[in-house]
Amino acid sequence: MNITLSIDEQTLKRAREKLRATGKSVNQEIREHLQHIAGDEDLEKAIEFFVKTSGQGKPEAGWKWNRDELYEERLKWPRK
């Protein structure tokens, strides 16, 4: 559904500048805010985060997921 908002030019300009740093549009930010107000769990955001981070390991440390290392860590866990 489309809605029309009235907002002054300077506010919109400042919002666009700030959101540009996050890679979001004003439309996307308002949509996410309304979803939050409505109580949605924001599944899209969770999926986006998962897709961005899955399979990447710790790129800032130069480390990627390694199946053998993960298995070794699992063997160290206390068993109940």
N, C-alpha and C. Protein backbone atom coordinates (compact mmCIF):
# COMPACT_ATOMS: atom_id res chain seq x y z
N MET A 1 0.84 -1.17 0.00
CA MET A 1 0.00 0.00 0.00
C MET A 1 0.89 1.23 0.00
N ASN A 2 0.51 2.20 -0.75
CA ASN A 2 1.26 3.46 -0.80
C ASN A 2 0.58 4.49 0.09
N ILE A 3 1.39 5.30 0.78
CA ILE A 3 0.87 6.40 1.58
C ILE A 3 1.62 7.67 1.19
N THR A 4 1.01 8.81 1.47
CA THR A 4 1.64 10.09 1.18
C THR A 4 1.90 10.80 2.50
N LEU A 5 3.09 11.31 2.67
CA LEU A 5 3.47 12.04 3.87
C LEU A 5 3.80 13.47 3.51
N SER A 6 3.53 14.37 4.44
CA SER A 6 3.94 15.76 4.27
C SER A 6 5.10 16.01 5.22
N ILE A 7 6.21 16.49 4.66
CA ILE A 7 7.41 16.73 5.47
C ILE A 7 8.17 17.89 4.83
N ASP A 8 8.77 18.71 5.68
CA ASP A 8 9.49 19.85 5.10
C ASP A 8 10.76 19.38 4.41
N GLU A 9 11.18 20.17 3.43
CA GLU A 9 12.31 19.82 2.57
C GLU A 9 13.61 19.59 3.34
N GLN A 10 13.90 20.45 4.30
CA GLN A 10 15.16 20.35 5.06
C GLN A 10 15.22 19.06 5.88
N THR A 11 14.09 18.68 6.49
CA THR A 11 14.05 17.44 7.27
C THR A 11 14.31 16.25 6.36
N LEU A 12 13.67 16.23 5.22
CA LEU A 12 13.86 15.13 4.27
C LEU A 12 15.30 15.09 3.78
N LYS A 13 15.86 16.24 3.48
CA LYS A 13 17.25 16.30 3.01
C LYS A 13 18.21 15.75 4.07
N ARG A 14 18.04 16.17 5.33
CA ARG A 14 18.93 15.68 6.41
C ARG A 14 18.74 14.19 6.63
N ALA A 15 17.49 13.73 6.55
CA ALA A 15 17.23 12.30 6.72
C ALA A 15 17.92 11.49 5.62
N ARG A 16 17.82 11.95 4.40
CA ARG A 16 18.48 11.25 3.28
C ARG A 16 19.99 11.19 3.47
N GLU A 17 20.58 12.29 3.92
CA GLU A 17 22.02 12.33 4.14
C GLU A 17 22.44 11.33 5.21
N LYS A 18 21.72 11.30 6.31
CA LYS A 18 22.06 10.36 7.39
C LYS A 18 21.84 8.92 6.97
N LEU A 19 20.75 8.66 6.27
CA LEU A 19 20.45 7.29 5.85
C LEU A 19 21.38 6.80 4.75
N ARG A 20 21.94 7.71 3.97
CA ARG A 20 22.88 7.33 2.92
C ARG A 20 24.06 6.55 3.53
N ALA A 21 24.48 6.95 4.72
CA ALA A 21 25.60 6.27 5.39
C ALA A 21 25.25 4.84 5.76
N THR A 22 23.97 4.55 5.95
CA THR A 22 23.56 3.19 6.31
C THR A 22 23.14 2.38 5.10
N GLY A 23 23.07 3.04 3.94
CA GLY A 23 22.66 2.34 2.72
C GLY A 23 21.15 2.16 2.62
N LYS A 24 20.40 2.92 3.42
CA LYS A 24 18.94 2.80 3.40
C LYS A 24 18.32 4.01 2.72
N SER A 25 17.13 3.79 2.20
CA SER A 25 16.35 4.89 1.66
C SER A 25 15.39 5.39 2.74
N VAL A 26 14.86 6.57 2.55
CA VAL A 26 13.87 7.11 3.50
C VAL A 26 12.65 6.18 3.52
N ASN A 27 12.25 5.71 2.36
CA ASN A 27 11.12 4.80 2.25
C ASN A 27 11.36 3.54 3.09
N GLN A 28 12.53 2.94 2.96
CA GLN A 28 12.86 1.73 3.69
C GLN A 28 12.86 1.99 5.20
N GLU A 29 13.44 3.11 5.61
CA GLU A 29 13.49 3.44 7.03
C GLU A 29 12.09 3.63 7.62
N ILE A 30 11.23 4.33 6.90
CA ILE A 30 9.87 4.55 7.38
C ILE A 30 9.11 3.23 7.43
N ARG A 31 9.27 2.39 6.41
CA ARG A 31 8.61 1.09 6.39
C ARG A 31 9.04 0.24 7.58
N GLU A 32 10.35 0.20 7.85
CA GLU A 32 10.85 -0.58 8.99
C GLU A 32 10.34 -0.01 10.31
N HIS A 33 10.28 1.30 10.40
CA HIS A 33 9.78 1.92 11.63
C HIS A 33 8.31 1.58 11.86
N LEU A 34 7.51 1.63 10.82
CA LEU A 34 6.10 1.28 10.95
C LEU A 34 5.92 -0.20 11.29
N GLN A 35 6.76 -1.06 10.74
CA GLN A 35 6.70 -2.49 11.09
C GLN A 35 7.02 -2.67 12.57
N HIS A 36 8.00 -1.92 13.06
CA HIS A 36 8.37 -1.99 14.46
C HIS A 36 7.21 -1.53 15.35
N ILE A 37 6.59 -0.42 14.98
CA ILE A 37 5.45 0.09 15.75
C ILE A 37 4.31 -0.92 15.75
N ALA A 38 4.08 -1.55 14.62
CA ALA A 38 2.99 -2.52 14.50
C ALA A 38 3.29 -3.82 15.24
N GLY A 39 4.54 -3.99 15.67
CA GLY A 39 4.89 -5.17 16.44
C GLY A 39 5.40 -6.33 15.63
N ASP A 40 5.65 -6.13 14.35
CA ASP A 40 6.20 -7.21 13.54
C ASP A 40 7.59 -7.56 14.03
N GLU A 41 7.97 -8.81 13.86
CA GLU A 41 9.28 -9.27 14.29
C GLU A 41 10.39 -8.87 13.32
N ASP A 42 10.03 -8.23 12.25
CA ASP A 42 10.99 -7.78 11.24
C ASP A 42 11.79 -8.95 10.67
N LEU A 43 11.05 -9.91 10.18
CA LEU A 43 11.65 -11.10 9.61
C LEU A 43 12.58 -10.76 8.45
N GLU A 44 12.20 -9.79 7.63
CA GLU A 44 13.05 -9.40 6.50
C GLU A 44 14.43 -8.97 6.97
N LYS A 45 14.49 -8.20 8.04
CA LYS A 45 15.77 -7.72 8.56
C LYS A 45 16.61 -8.88 9.07
N ALA A 46 15.97 -9.82 9.77
CA ALA A 46 16.69 -10.97 10.28
C ALA A 46 17.24 -11.83 9.14
N ILE A 47 16.44 -12.00 8.11
CA ILE A 47 16.89 -12.78 6.95
C ILE A 47 18.04 -12.07 6.25
N GLU A 48 17.91 -10.76 6.09
CA GLU A 48 18.97 -9.98 5.45
C GLU A 48 20.29 -10.11 6.22
N PHE A 49 20.21 -10.02 7.55
CA PHE A 49 21.41 -10.16 8.38
C PHE A 49 22.00 -11.56 8.23
N PHE A 50 21.15 -12.58 8.24
CA PHE A 50 21.62 -13.95 8.10
C PHE A 50 22.33 -14.15 6.77
N VAL A 51 21.73 -13.66 5.69
CA VAL A 51 22.32 -13.81 4.37
C VAL A 51 23.67 -13.09 4.29
N LYS A 52 23.73 -11.88 4.89
CA LYS A 52 24.97 -11.11 4.87
C LYS A 52 26.09 -11.81 5.62
N THR A 53 25.75 -12.44 6.74
CA THR A 53 26.80 -12.97 7.61
C THR A 53 27.03 -14.47 7.48
N SER A 54 26.13 -15.20 6.87
CA SER A 54 26.30 -16.65 6.81
C SER A 54 27.50 -17.00 5.92
N GLY A 55 28.28 -17.92 6.40
CA GLY A 55 29.43 -18.40 5.65
C GLY A 55 30.61 -17.47 5.62
N GLN A 56 30.57 -16.41 6.41
CA GLN A 56 31.66 -15.46 6.36
C GLN A 56 32.65 -15.61 7.49
N GLY A 57 32.30 -16.32 8.53
CA GLY A 57 33.24 -16.47 9.65
C GLY A 57 33.55 -15.14 10.27
N LYS A 58 34.82 -14.87 10.50
CA LYS A 58 35.25 -13.60 11.07
C LYS A 58 36.17 -12.91 10.06
N PRO A 59 35.59 -12.28 9.04
CA PRO A 59 36.43 -11.70 8.00
C PRO A 59 37.39 -10.64 8.49
N GLU A 60 37.02 -9.91 9.57
CA GLU A 60 37.92 -8.87 10.07
C GLU A 60 39.20 -9.48 10.64
N ALA A 61 39.13 -10.75 11.04
CA ALA A 61 40.30 -11.43 11.58
C ALA A 61 40.97 -12.30 10.52
N GLY A 62 40.43 -12.27 9.30
CA GLY A 62 41.00 -13.08 8.23
C GLY A 62 40.68 -14.55 8.37
N TRP A 63 39.62 -14.87 9.13
CA TRP A 63 39.26 -16.26 9.37
C TRP A 63 37.91 -16.57 8.76
N LYS A 64 37.79 -17.67 8.08
CA LYS A 64 36.51 -18.12 7.54
C LYS A 64 36.14 -19.43 8.22
N TRP A 65 34.85 -19.75 8.17
CA TRP A 65 34.38 -20.98 8.81
C TRP A 65 35.16 -22.18 8.27
N ASN A 66 35.51 -23.05 9.17
CA ASN A 66 36.23 -24.27 8.81
C ASN A 66 35.51 -25.41 9.50
N ARG A 67 34.97 -26.32 8.74
CA ARG A 67 34.15 -27.42 9.27
C ARG A 67 34.92 -28.25 10.29
N ASP A 68 36.16 -28.56 10.00
CA ASP A 68 36.95 -29.38 10.92
C ASP A 68 37.17 -28.67 12.26
N GLU A 69 37.47 -27.39 12.20
CA GLU A 69 37.67 -26.63 13.44
C GLU A 69 36.39 -26.56 14.25
N LEU A 70 35.27 -26.38 13.59
CA LEU A 70 34.00 -26.34 14.30
C LEU A 70 33.71 -27.67 14.97
N TYR A 71 34.02 -28.75 14.29
CA TYR A 71 33.79 -30.08 14.85
C TYR A 71 34.69 -30.29 16.07
N GLU A 72 35.94 -29.87 15.98
CA GLU A 72 36.86 -29.99 17.12
C GLU A 72 36.31 -29.23 18.32
N GLU A 73 35.80 -28.02 18.10
CA GLU A 73 35.23 -27.24 19.19
C GLU A 73 34.04 -27.96 19.81
N ARG A 74 33.24 -28.58 18.98
CA ARG A 74 32.06 -29.31 19.48
C ARG A 74 32.48 -30.47 20.37
N LEU A 75 33.56 -31.13 20.04
CA LEU A 75 34.04 -32.26 20.84
C LEU A 75 34.51 -31.81 22.22
N LYS A 76 34.90 -30.53 22.35
CA LYS A 76 35.37 -30.01 23.63
C LYS A 76 34.23 -29.69 24.59
N TRP A 77 33.00 -29.57 24.05
CA TRP A 77 31.85 -29.20 24.89
C TRP A 77 31.59 -30.30 25.92
N PRO A 78 31.20 -29.92 27.11
CA PRO A 78 30.86 -30.95 28.10
C PRO A 78 29.61 -31.71 27.67
N ARG A 79 29.68 -33.00 27.82
CA ARG A 79 28.54 -33.84 27.45
C ARG A 79 27.71 -34.13 28.69
N LYS A 80 26.44 -34.18 28.47
CA LYS A 80 25.50 -34.46 29.59
C LYS A 80 24.81 -35.76 29.39
